[in-house]
């Protein structure tokens, strides 16, 4: 019988010294060669990895909504034009090229 490994439930950061539960991550934001991980309790963790390096480590509930942001769709309240309103009150711009993708995915998570 084939068994497949379950997807990771945490994201390792700072050279694997800290493990952050994926369910507590609201979004990841790029800042040049650094990435800020914004958590649901308001904390911001800074890592020295660029945003793109996290793409393979994130589950399908995380979507790149613009050049500088991966969003956890579980924290998306609604879309208003090209802006995304999050459950923590944040407003994130949505890239034009991501509108169709977001429409198809968000119904599964919201």
C-alpha atoms as a PDB file:
ATOM      1  CA  UNK A   1       0.000   0.000   0.000  1.00  0.00           C
ATOM      2  CA  UNK A   2       1.375   3.397  -0.966  1.00  0.00           C
ATOM      3  CA  UNK A   3       1.444   6.042   1.680  1.00  0.00           C
ATOM      4  CA  UNK A   4       2.110   9.629   0.849  1.00  0.00           C
ATOM      5  CA  UNK A   5       3.616  12.030   3.337  1.00  0.00           C
ATOM      6  CA  UNK A   6       1.138  14.510   4.706  1.00  0.00           C
ATOM      7  CA  UNK A   7       1.770  18.131   3.794  1.00  0.00           C
ATOM      8  CA  UNK A   8       3.750  20.049   6.386  1.00  0.00           C
ATOM      9  CA  UNK A   9       1.743  21.923   8.985  1.00  0.00           C
ATOM     10  CA  UNK A  10       4.576  24.286   9.893  1.00  0.00           C
ATOM     11  CA  UNK A  11       7.008  26.554   8.090  1.00  0.00           C
ATOM     12  CA  UNK A  12      10.616  26.469   9.274  1.00  0.00           C
ATOM     13  CA  UNK A  13      12.333  29.835   9.381  1.00  0.00           C
ATOM     14  CA  UNK A  14      15.589  31.306  10.657  1.00  0.00           C
ATOM     15  CA  UNK A  15      17.668  28.278   9.695  1.00  0.00           C
ATOM     16  CA  UNK A  16      15.067  25.878  11.128  1.00  0.00           C
ATOM     17  CA  UNK A  17      15.293  27.444  14.594  1.00  0.00           C
ATOM     18  CA  UNK A  18      11.643  28.526  14.557  1.00  0.00           C
ATOM     19  CA  UNK A  19       8.676  26.507  13.301  1.00  0.00           C
ATOM     20  CA  UNK A  20       5.585  28.586  12.589  1.00  0.00           C
ATOM     21  CA  UNK A  21       2.202  26.853  12.186  1.00  0.00           C
ATOM     22  CA  UNK A  22       0.934  27.520   8.661  1.00  0.00           C
ATOM     23  CA  UNK A  23      -2.546  28.126  10.043  1.00  0.00           C
ATOM     24  CA  UNK A  24      -1.259  31.164  11.971  1.00  0.00           C
ATOM     25  CA  UNK A  25       0.347  32.828   8.928  1.00  0.00           C
ATOM     26  CA  UNK A  26      -1.848  35.521   7.366  1.00  0.00           C
ATOM     27  CA  UNK A  27       0.571  36.484   4.598  1.00  0.00           C
ATOM     28  CA  UNK A  28       4.196  36.714   3.498  1.00  0.00           C
ATOM     29  CA  UNK A  29       5.406  40.080   2.194  1.00  0.00           C
ATOM     30  CA  UNK A  30       8.524  40.851   0.184  1.00  0.00           C
ATOM     31  CA  UNK A  31      10.926  43.626   1.116  1.00  0.00           C
ATOM     32  CA  UNK A  32      13.835  43.453  -1.333  1.00  0.00           C
ATOM     33  CA  UNK A  33      15.808  40.336  -0.324  1.00  0.00           C
ATOM     34  CA  UNK A  34      13.887  39.863   2.909  1.00  0.00           C
ATOM     35  CA  UNK A  35      10.475  38.414   3.675  1.00  0.00           C
ATOM     36  CA  UNK A  36       8.136  39.444   6.454  1.00  0.00           C
ATOM     37  CA  UNK A  37       5.854  36.725   7.765  1.00  0.00           C
ATOM     38  CA  UNK A  38       2.734  38.317   9.243  1.00  0.00           C
ATOM     39  CA  UNK A  39       0.961  36.194  11.847  1.00  0.00           C
ATOM     40  CA  UNK A  40      -2.655  36.270  12.999  1.00  0.00           C
ATOM     41  CA  UNK A  41      -1.627  37.612  16.415  1.00  0.00           C
ATOM     42  CA  UNK A  42      -0.084  40.710  14.799  1.00  0.00           C
ATOM     43  CA  UNK A  43       3.569  39.650  15.019  1.00  0.00           C
ATOM     44  CA  UNK A  44       5.883  40.224  12.043  1.00  0.00           C
ATOM     45  CA  UNK A  45       8.835  37.878  11.633  1.00  0.00           C
ATOM     46  CA  UNK A  46      11.620  38.950   9.275  1.00  0.00           C
ATOM     47  CA  UNK A  47      13.662  36.374   7.382  1.00  0.00           C
ATOM     48  CA  UNK A  48      16.628  36.839   5.082  1.00  0.00           C
ATOM     49  CA  UNK A  49      15.109  34.665   2.348  1.00  0.00           C
ATOM     50  CA  UNK A  50      13.381  36.185  -0.654  1.00  0.00           C
ATOM     51  CA  UNK A  51       9.669  35.633  -1.164  1.00  0.00           C
ATOM     52  CA  UNK A  52      10.014  33.274  -4.123  1.00  0.00           C
ATOM     53  CA  UNK A  53      12.029  30.766  -2.110  1.00  0.00           C
ATOM     54  CA  UNK A  54       8.941  30.000  -0.001  1.00  0.00           C
ATOM     55  CA  UNK A  55       6.732  29.075  -2.961  1.00  0.00           C
ATOM     56  CA  UNK A  56       7.466  25.334  -2.886  1.00  0.00           C
ATOM     57  CA  UNK A  57       7.039  25.134   0.891  1.00  0.00           C
ATOM     58  CA  UNK A  58       3.557  26.649   1.034  1.00  0.00           C
ATOM     59  CA  UNK A  59       0.315  24.674   0.623  1.00  0.00           C
ATOM     60  CA  UNK A  60      -2.338  25.521  -1.969  1.00  0.00           C
ATOM     61  CA  UNK A  61      -4.177  27.796   0.466  1.00  0.00           C
ATOM     62  CA  UNK A  62      -1.349  30.324  -0.071  1.00  0.00           C
ATOM     63  CA  UNK A  63      -1.642  32.276  -3.313  1.00  0.00           C
ATOM     64  CA  UNK A  64       0.660  34.893  -4.760  1.00  0.00           C
ATOM     65  CA  UNK A  65      -1.758  37.789  -5.197  1.00  0.00           C
ATOM     66  CA  UNK A  66       0.792  40.324  -6.430  1.00  0.00           C
ATOM     67  CA  UNK A  67       4.528  40.638  -6.989  1.00  0.00           C
ATOM     68  CA  UNK A  68       5.288  41.044  -3.300  1.00  0.00           C
ATOM     69  CA  UNK A  69       2.740  38.989  -1.366  1.00  0.00           C
ATOM     70  CA  UNK A  70       1.611  35.425  -0.703  1.00  0.00           C
ATOM     71  CA  UNK A  71      -1.789  35.388   0.986  1.00  0.00           C
ATOM     72  CA  UNK A  72      -3.324  32.623   3.098  1.00  0.00           C
ATOM     73  CA  UNK A  73      -6.830  32.421   1.607  1.00  0.00           C
ATOM     74  CA  UNK A  74      -8.298  31.396   4.959  1.00  0.00           C
ATOM     75  CA  UNK A  75      -7.781  35.011   6.097  1.00  0.00           C
ATOM     76  CA  UNK A  76      -9.448  36.580   3.055  1.00  0.00           C
ATOM     77  CA  UNK A  77     -12.746  38.260   3.946  1.00  0.00           C
ATOM     78  CA  UNK A  78     -13.687  39.600   0.530  1.00  0.00           C
ATOM     79  CA  UNK A  79     -12.506  41.176  -2.678  1.00  0.00           C
ATOM     80  CA  UNK A  80     -13.465  44.745  -3.487  1.00  0.00           C
ATOM     81  CA  UNK A  81     -12.386  45.558  -7.018  1.00  0.00           C
ATOM     82  CA  UNK A  82      -8.642  45.014  -7.105  1.00  0.00           C
ATOM     83  CA  UNK A  83      -8.243  45.116  -3.338  1.00  0.00           C
ATOM     84  CA  UNK A  84      -8.388  42.214  -0.922  1.00  0.00           C
ATOM     85  CA  UNK A  85      -9.823  42.813   2.532  1.00  0.00           C
ATOM     86  CA  UNK A  86      -8.389  40.512   5.174  1.00  0.00           C
ATOM     87  CA  UNK A  87      -9.813  39.380   8.492  1.00  0.00           C
ATOM     88  CA  UNK A  88      -7.179  41.418  10.383  1.00  0.00           C
ATOM     89  CA  UNK A  89      -8.332  44.632   8.672  1.00  0.00           C
ATOM     90  CA  UNK A  90      -5.444  44.775   6.195  1.00  0.00           C
ATOM     91  CA  UNK A  91      -5.992  45.736   2.571  1.00  0.00           C
ATOM     92  CA  UNK A  92      -3.789  44.053  -0.042  1.00  0.00           C
ATOM     93  CA  UNK A  93      -3.658  45.085  -3.721  1.00  0.00           C
ATOM     94  CA  UNK A  94      -4.580  42.338  -6.201  1.00  0.00           C
ATOM     95  CA  UNK A  95      -2.648  42.094  -9.465  1.00  0.00           C
ATOM     96  CA  UNK A  96      -4.836  42.161 -12.592  1.00  0.00           C
ATOM     97  CA  UNK A  97      -3.350  38.880 -13.784  1.00  0.00           C
ATOM     98  CA  UNK A  98      -4.351  37.133 -10.560  1.00  0.00           C
ATOM     99  CA  UNK A  99      -8.075  38.009 -10.589  1.00  0.00           C
ATOM    100  CA  UNK A 100      -9.218  34.859 -12.456  1.00  0.00           C
ATOM    101  CA  UNK A 101      -7.012  32.613 -10.351  1.00  0.00           C
ATOM    102  CA  UNK A 102      -8.291  34.126  -7.141  1.00  0.00           C
ATOM    103  CA  UNK A 103     -11.928  33.796  -8.235  1.00  0.00           C
ATOM    104  CA  UNK A 104     -11.468  30.103  -8.965  1.00  0.00           C
ATOM    105  CA  UNK A 105      -9.618  29.362  -5.728  1.00  0.00           C
ATOM    106  CA  UNK A 106     -11.308  31.598  -3.186  1.00  0.00           C
ATOM    107  CA  UNK A 107     -14.656  29.785  -3.307  1.00  0.00           C
ATOM    108  CA  UNK A 108     -12.903  26.737  -1.842  1.00  0.00           C
ATOM    109  CA  UNK A 109     -11.434  28.637   1.100  1.00  0.00           C
ATOM    110  CA  UNK A 110     -13.795  31.495   1.961  1.00  0.00           C
END
